[in-house]
Amino acid sequence: DGTSGLLTWTPSADQVPSTNSVTVRVTDNGTPALSDARTFTVQAKRGSPWKYVAFNGTASSSTVYIYLTTPGEVYLDDLKLVAGSVPEAGANTVAGGDFETALTSNWGVSPNHQGSEVIPSVKHSGQSGLHVVASVGGTTRASSIYQDLNPGLVSGNPYTLSFWYLPGPKDTSLTIVPPGASHATVKKSGTAVRVFSNKAADLVAMAVNAGTYADGAPEVTPIMPWPDPVGGFRLRYYAMSNFPSLDPSPLKMRIFRSTNLMINIFKPWTERRDETKLSPHSH
């Protein structure tokens, strides 16, 4: 701004994330002209996807319920319930609302939320957060994650509840399409990812990085086709809610294999991998 001197810059999508060196130079109109310059660094970072919620009301019971009204999942962290009308002002009446210890240390868990757990890979702050998973929708104690507060709330007094949440994937599924002509129609908002093997030569040739693999990528283990699927080739649909992971690690991997592809669907991971625990391997 020529009047105020305010500098603004909105990075484009391909400039995030990035680190940028910016030099500002000022010159007056004297004779001889005097000038000065300063250089500083601007980092363009992605905004946090976590969302904050706070609302107040009057106490009618001393039990806190966490549940989803439909099957699905969400990530939750830093849940606080304080006396008064100001969020986070005062002592938190909820034990373990930071979800830094095992879920059952402070909370009861109903059968429809048994897939819920405290995980280190997705959190708003601290070392871990709560991954809420509902197999069916909940309503109250018998279908929720719950805690009886001790000491209890004062009935009729004002309290304020606040928390951070990260929406989980909705209707996550995997569809394996048989060989031959096909088309996909997306009827609502969301993310659709199509994965092809190098057996689809016509599509490989259209890839923007086709030249990188023109030599056949000898450093990559070649695909060894599996036997034809039981029941023959056909459209196969897998809703992830029907396939809970048995993986003990925070990634919760679920691996699916088609004739010439292996797909690994796992939980979001926002931490840097420990490079000392990685090992060369192939599938």
Protein backbone atom coordinates (compact mmCIF):
# COMPACT_ATOMS: atom_id res chain seq x y z
CA ASP A 1 0.00 0.00 0.00
CA GLY A 2 1.61 3.26 -1.15
CA THR A 3 0.02 5.26 1.66
CA SER A 4 0.34 3.02 4.70
CA GLY A 5 3.30 0.96 3.57
CA LEU A 6 1.42 -2.25 4.38
CA LEU A 7 2.73 -5.27 2.48
CA THR A 8 0.40 -8.17 1.71
CA TRP A 9 0.91 -11.44 -0.12
CA THR A 10 -1.43 -14.37 -0.63
CA PRO A 11 0.47 -17.50 -1.70
CA SER A 12 -0.99 -19.69 -4.42
CA ALA A 13 -1.70 -23.37 -3.80
CA ASP A 14 1.60 -24.46 -5.31
CA GLN A 15 3.51 -22.06 -3.03
CA VAL A 16 2.35 -23.80 0.14
CA PRO A 17 4.37 -24.97 1.95
CA SER A 18 7.40 -22.84 1.13
CA THR A 19 10.12 -20.68 2.69
CA ASN A 20 10.62 -17.32 1.01
CA SER A 21 13.34 -14.67 1.40
CA VAL A 22 11.88 -11.17 1.05
CA THR A 23 13.89 -7.95 0.74
CA VAL A 24 12.22 -4.57 1.36
CA ARG A 25 14.08 -1.50 0.13
CA VAL A 26 13.06 2.12 0.83
CA THR A 27 14.43 5.21 -0.92
CA ASP A 28 13.72 8.88 -0.27
CA ASN A 29 13.61 11.70 -2.83
CA GLY A 30 16.54 13.67 -1.48
CA THR A 31 19.72 14.59 -3.27
CA PRO A 32 21.60 12.40 -3.04
CA ALA A 33 18.87 9.80 -2.40
CA LEU A 34 19.21 7.80 0.78
CA SER A 35 18.04 4.19 0.96
CA ASP A 36 18.03 1.20 3.24
CA ALA A 37 17.02 -2.44 2.92
CA ARG A 38 16.02 -5.27 5.19
CA THR A 39 15.70 -8.95 4.34
CA PHE A 40 13.47 -11.35 6.23
CA THR A 41 12.04 -14.82 5.78
CA VAL A 42 8.36 -15.63 5.25
CA GLN A 43 7.14 -19.19 5.70
CA ALA A 44 3.91 -20.16 4.00
CA LYS A 45 2.33 -23.01 5.94
CA ARG A 46 -0.91 -24.90 5.61
CA GLY A 47 -3.54 -23.81 8.11
CA SER A 48 -4.60 -26.20 10.81
CA PRO A 49 -7.53 -28.38 9.73
CA TRP A 50 -8.71 -28.60 13.37
CA LYS A 51 -11.93 -26.76 14.20
CA TYR A 52 -12.83 -25.14 17.54
CA VAL A 53 -16.25 -25.31 19.17
CA ALA A 54 -17.43 -23.58 22.35
CA PHE A 55 -20.92 -23.08 23.75
CA ASN A 56 -22.52 -22.52 27.14
CA GLY A 57 -25.64 -23.57 28.97
CA THR A 58 -26.95 -24.58 32.38
CA ALA A 59 -26.20 -27.90 34.04
CA SER A 60 -28.97 -30.50 34.15
CA SER A 61 -26.82 -33.56 34.95
CA SER A 62 -23.22 -34.46 35.82
CA THR A 63 -22.53 -36.87 32.96
CA VAL A 64 -20.64 -35.97 29.80
CA TYR A 65 -21.48 -37.91 26.63
CA ILE A 66 -19.46 -38.18 23.43
CA TYR A 67 -21.16 -39.90 20.49
CA LEU A 68 -21.86 -39.69 16.79
CA THR A 69 -25.48 -39.72 15.68
CA THR A 70 -24.65 -41.82 12.60
CA PRO A 71 -21.92 -44.38 11.81
CA GLY A 72 -18.62 -42.68 11.16
CA GLU A 73 -15.51 -41.30 12.80
CA VAL A 74 -14.07 -38.01 14.06
CA TYR A 75 -10.97 -36.89 15.96
CA LEU A 76 -11.40 -34.98 19.23
CA ASP A 77 -8.97 -33.24 21.57
CA ASP A 78 -8.70 -30.71 24.42
CA LEU A 79 -12.26 -31.13 25.70
CA LYS A 80 -12.96 -28.75 28.58
CA LEU A 81 -16.03 -28.00 30.70
CA VAL A 82 -15.67 -25.02 33.03
CA ALA A 83 -17.97 -23.10 35.35
CA GLY A 84 -19.20 -19.78 34.00
CA SER A 85 -19.68 -18.39 30.51
CA VAL A 86 -16.06 -17.91 29.38
CA PRO A 87 -14.49 -20.85 27.49
CA GLU A 88 -11.49 -22.46 29.19
CA ALA A 89 -11.58 -19.96 32.09
CA GLY A 90 -11.15 -21.95 35.28
CA ALA A 91 -10.65 -25.55 36.28
CA ASN A 92 -11.65 -28.27 33.83
CA THR A 93 -14.32 -30.46 35.42
CA VAL A 94 -13.64 -33.26 32.89
CA ALA A 95 -10.96 -35.79 33.80
CA GLY A 96 -8.77 -36.85 30.90
CA GLY A 97 -10.24 -34.32 28.49
CA ASP A 98 -6.78 -33.90 26.98
CA PHE A 99 -6.80 -37.62 26.03
CA GLU A 100 -3.20 -38.19 27.10
CA THR A 101 -3.99 -41.51 28.81
CA ALA A 102 -5.83 -44.67 27.78
CA LEU A 103 -9.48 -43.95 27.02
CA THR A 104 -10.88 -46.32 29.65
CA SER A 105 -8.81 -44.62 32.37
CA ASN A 106 -11.49 -41.94 32.68
CA TRP A 107 -14.30 -42.85 30.28
CA GLY A 108 -16.86 -45.59 29.85
CA VAL A 109 -17.26 -46.89 26.30
CA SER A 110 -20.50 -48.38 24.96
CA PRO A 111 -20.44 -51.26 22.42
CA ASN A 112 -21.15 -49.09 19.37
CA HIS A 113 -18.05 -46.99 20.13
CA GLN A 114 -15.68 -49.85 21.01
CA GLY A 115 -13.51 -48.97 18.01
CA SER A 116 -12.65 -45.62 19.59
CA GLU A 117 -9.18 -45.11 21.08
CA VAL A 118 -6.57 -42.60 22.11
CA ILE A 119 -3.95 -42.35 19.35
CA PRO A 120 -0.65 -40.45 19.06
CA SER A 121 -0.76 -39.91 15.30
CA VAL A 122 -3.60 -37.36 15.21
CA LYS A 123 -3.93 -34.72 17.92
CA HIS A 124 -4.50 -31.01 18.37
CA SER A 125 -1.99 -30.63 21.18
CA GLY A 126 0.02 -32.75 23.58
CA GLN A 127 1.01 -36.30 22.74
CA SER A 128 -2.29 -37.80 21.61
CA GLY A 129 -5.95 -37.27 20.76
CA LEU A 130 -9.19 -39.26 20.73
CA HIS A 131 -10.28 -41.10 17.59
CA VAL A 132 -14.05 -41.53 17.92
CA VAL A 133 -15.42 -44.40 15.85
CA ALA A 134 -19.13 -45.27 15.81
CA SER A 135 -20.43 -48.47 14.23
CA VAL A 136 -24.00 -47.19 14.70
CA GLY A 137 -25.35 -43.84 15.83
CA GLY A 138 -25.59 -43.02 19.54
CA THR A 139 -28.01 -41.12 21.74
CA THR A 140 -27.13 -41.50 25.41
CA ARG A 141 -25.14 -43.53 27.96
CA ALA A 142 -25.85 -46.92 26.42
CA SER A 143 -24.51 -45.79 23.03
CA SER A 144 -21.74 -43.33 23.76
CA ILE A 145 -18.40 -42.59 25.36
CA TYR A 146 -19.35 -41.19 28.76
CA GLN A 147 -17.98 -39.86 32.05
CA ASP A 148 -19.69 -39.24 35.38
CA LEU A 149 -18.09 -36.05 36.68
CA ASN A 150 -16.72 -36.08 40.23
CA PRO A 151 -17.39 -33.71 41.86
CA GLY A 152 -20.65 -33.21 40.04
CA LEU A 153 -21.95 -30.02 38.47
CA VAL A 154 -24.30 -27.66 40.29
CA SER A 155 -27.72 -28.08 38.69
CA GLY A 156 -28.96 -24.87 37.08
CA ASN A 157 -25.58 -23.14 37.15
CA PRO A 158 -23.92 -21.89 33.94
CA TYR A 159 -21.07 -23.89 32.36
CA THR A 160 -19.13 -23.65 29.11
CA LEU A 161 -18.03 -26.63 27.01
CA SER A 162 -15.22 -26.31 24.48
CA PHE A 163 -13.21 -28.74 22.34
CA TRP A 164 -11.24 -29.11 19.11
CA TYR A 165 -12.26 -31.60 16.45
CA LEU A 166 -10.99 -32.87 13.14
CA PRO A 167 -13.60 -34.37 10.79
CA GLY A 168 -12.89 -37.97 9.92
CA PRO A 169 -13.27 -39.47 6.46
CA LYS A 170 -16.88 -39.98 5.43
CA ASP A 171 -18.09 -43.03 3.57
CA THR A 172 -14.52 -44.18 2.99
CA SER A 173 -14.60 -47.14 0.64
CA LEU A 174 -12.62 -49.06 -1.91
CA THR A 175 -14.01 -50.22 -5.25
CA ILE A 176 -12.11 -52.65 -7.47
CA VAL A 177 -13.19 -52.39 -11.10
CA PRO A 178 -12.90 -55.43 -13.42
CA PRO A 179 -10.99 -55.28 -16.72
CA GLY A 180 -12.69 -53.59 -19.66
CA ALA A 181 -14.36 -50.28 -20.36
CA SER A 182 -15.77 -48.44 -17.34
CA HIS A 183 -16.69 -44.98 -16.13
CA ALA A 184 -17.18 -43.39 -12.70
CA THR A 185 -19.80 -40.80 -11.73
CA VAL A 186 -19.31 -38.66 -8.60
CA LYS A 187 -22.71 -37.58 -7.27
CA LYS A 188 -21.69 -35.62 -4.16
CA SER A 189 -18.75 -33.71 -2.74
CA GLY A 190 -15.75 -35.69 -1.60
CA THR A 191 -12.47 -37.09 -2.82
CA ALA A 192 -12.25 -39.79 -5.45
CA VAL A 193 -8.84 -41.33 -6.07
CA ARG A 194 -8.25 -43.63 -9.05
CA VAL A 195 -5.27 -45.99 -8.96
CA PHE A 196 -3.99 -47.91 -11.98
CA SER A 197 -1.16 -50.38 -12.41
CA ASN A 198 1.32 -50.23 -15.29
CA LYS A 199 -0.70 -52.99 -16.96
CA ALA A 200 -2.98 -50.21 -18.21
CA ALA A 201 -0.48 -49.18 -20.89
CA ASP A 202 -2.79 -46.59 -22.49
CA LEU A 203 -3.18 -44.74 -19.19
CA VAL A 204 0.50 -45.06 -18.30
CA ALA A 205 1.37 -43.26 -21.54
CA MET A 206 -0.89 -40.35 -20.52
CA ALA A 207 0.76 -39.82 -17.11
CA VAL A 208 2.60 -36.51 -16.65
CA ASN A 209 5.66 -38.40 -15.38
CA ALA A 210 5.53 -41.18 -17.97
CA GLY A 211 9.05 -40.31 -19.13
CA THR A 212 10.47 -40.98 -15.67
CA TYR A 213 9.44 -44.61 -15.93
CA ALA A 214 10.06 -45.11 -19.63
CA ASP A 215 12.88 -47.53 -18.78
CA GLY A 216 10.41 -49.80 -17.00
CA ALA A 217 11.62 -48.74 -13.52
CA PRO A 218 14.05 -51.64 -12.95
CA GLU A 219 14.59 -50.44 -9.37
CA VAL A 220 10.97 -51.28 -8.52
CA THR A 221 9.91 -54.84 -7.81
CA PRO A 222 7.87 -56.00 -10.83
CA ILE A 223 4.19 -56.83 -10.45
CA MET A 224 3.55 -60.54 -10.22
CA PRO A 225 -0.13 -61.10 -11.05
CA TRP A 226 -2.14 -63.11 -8.59
CA PRO A 227 -4.52 -65.88 -9.69
CA ASP A 228 -7.91 -64.79 -11.00
CA PRO A 229 -10.29 -63.80 -8.17
CA VAL A 230 -12.70 -66.33 -6.71
CA GLY A 231 -16.00 -65.96 -8.53
CA GLY A 232 -14.36 -64.28 -11.52
CA PHE A 233 -13.79 -60.64 -12.37
CA ARG A 234 -16.57 -58.34 -11.24
CA LEU A 235 -17.16 -55.01 -9.53
CA ARG A 236 -16.22 -55.33 -5.86
CA TYR A 237 -17.08 -52.73 -3.22
CA TYR A 238 -15.60 -52.57 0.29
CA ALA A 239 -16.93 -50.10 2.90
CA MET A 240 -14.09 -49.45 5.32
CA SER A 241 -16.47 -49.39 8.29
CA ASN A 242 -16.96 -53.13 7.70
CA PHE A 243 -13.24 -53.87 7.89
CA PRO A 244 -11.79 -52.82 11.26
CA SER A 245 -8.01 -52.99 11.32
CA LEU A 246 -6.17 -55.64 13.32
CA ASP A 247 -2.92 -53.69 13.02
CA PRO A 248 -1.59 -52.85 16.53
CA SER A 249 0.34 -49.82 15.25
CA PRO A 250 -1.21 -46.31 15.15
CA LEU A 251 -1.40 -46.54 11.35
CA LYS A 252 -4.15 -49.19 11.56
CA MET A 253 -3.30 -50.53 8.14
CA ARG A 254 -5.83 -52.43 6.03
CA ILE A 255 -4.41 -54.09 2.94
CA PHE A 256 -6.46 -55.15 -0.08
CA ARG A 257 -5.08 -57.07 -3.04
CA SER A 258 -6.42 -57.26 -6.57
CA THR A 259 -4.91 -59.22 -9.45
CA ASN A 260 -2.22 -56.63 -10.12
CA LEU A 261 -2.41 -54.04 -7.33
CA MET A 262 -2.08 -53.92 -3.56
CA ILE A 263 -3.81 -51.02 -1.76
CA ASN A 264 -2.97 -50.11 1.83
CA ILE A 265 -5.60 -47.91 3.52
CA PHE A 266 -4.49 -46.53 6.88
CA LYS A 267 -5.20 -43.76 9.35
CA PRO A 268 -3.89 -40.20 8.92
CA TRP A 269 -0.31 -39.79 10.14
CA THR A 270 0.92 -36.26 10.81
CA GLU A 271 4.20 -37.06 12.55
CA ARG A 272 7.58 -37.57 10.90
CA ARG A 273 8.44 -41.23 10.57
CA ASP A 274 11.41 -42.48 12.61
CA GLU A 275 14.03 -43.09 9.91
CA THR A 276 15.92 -45.46 12.23
CA LYS A 277 12.97 -47.85 12.16
CA LEU A 278 12.57 -48.04 8.39
CA SER A 279 13.88 -51.02 6.45
CA PRO A 280 14.13 -51.85 2.73
CA HIS A 281 11.41 -54.26 1.68
CA SER A 282 9.11 -55.15 -1.18
CA HIS A 283 5.69 -56.76 -1.61
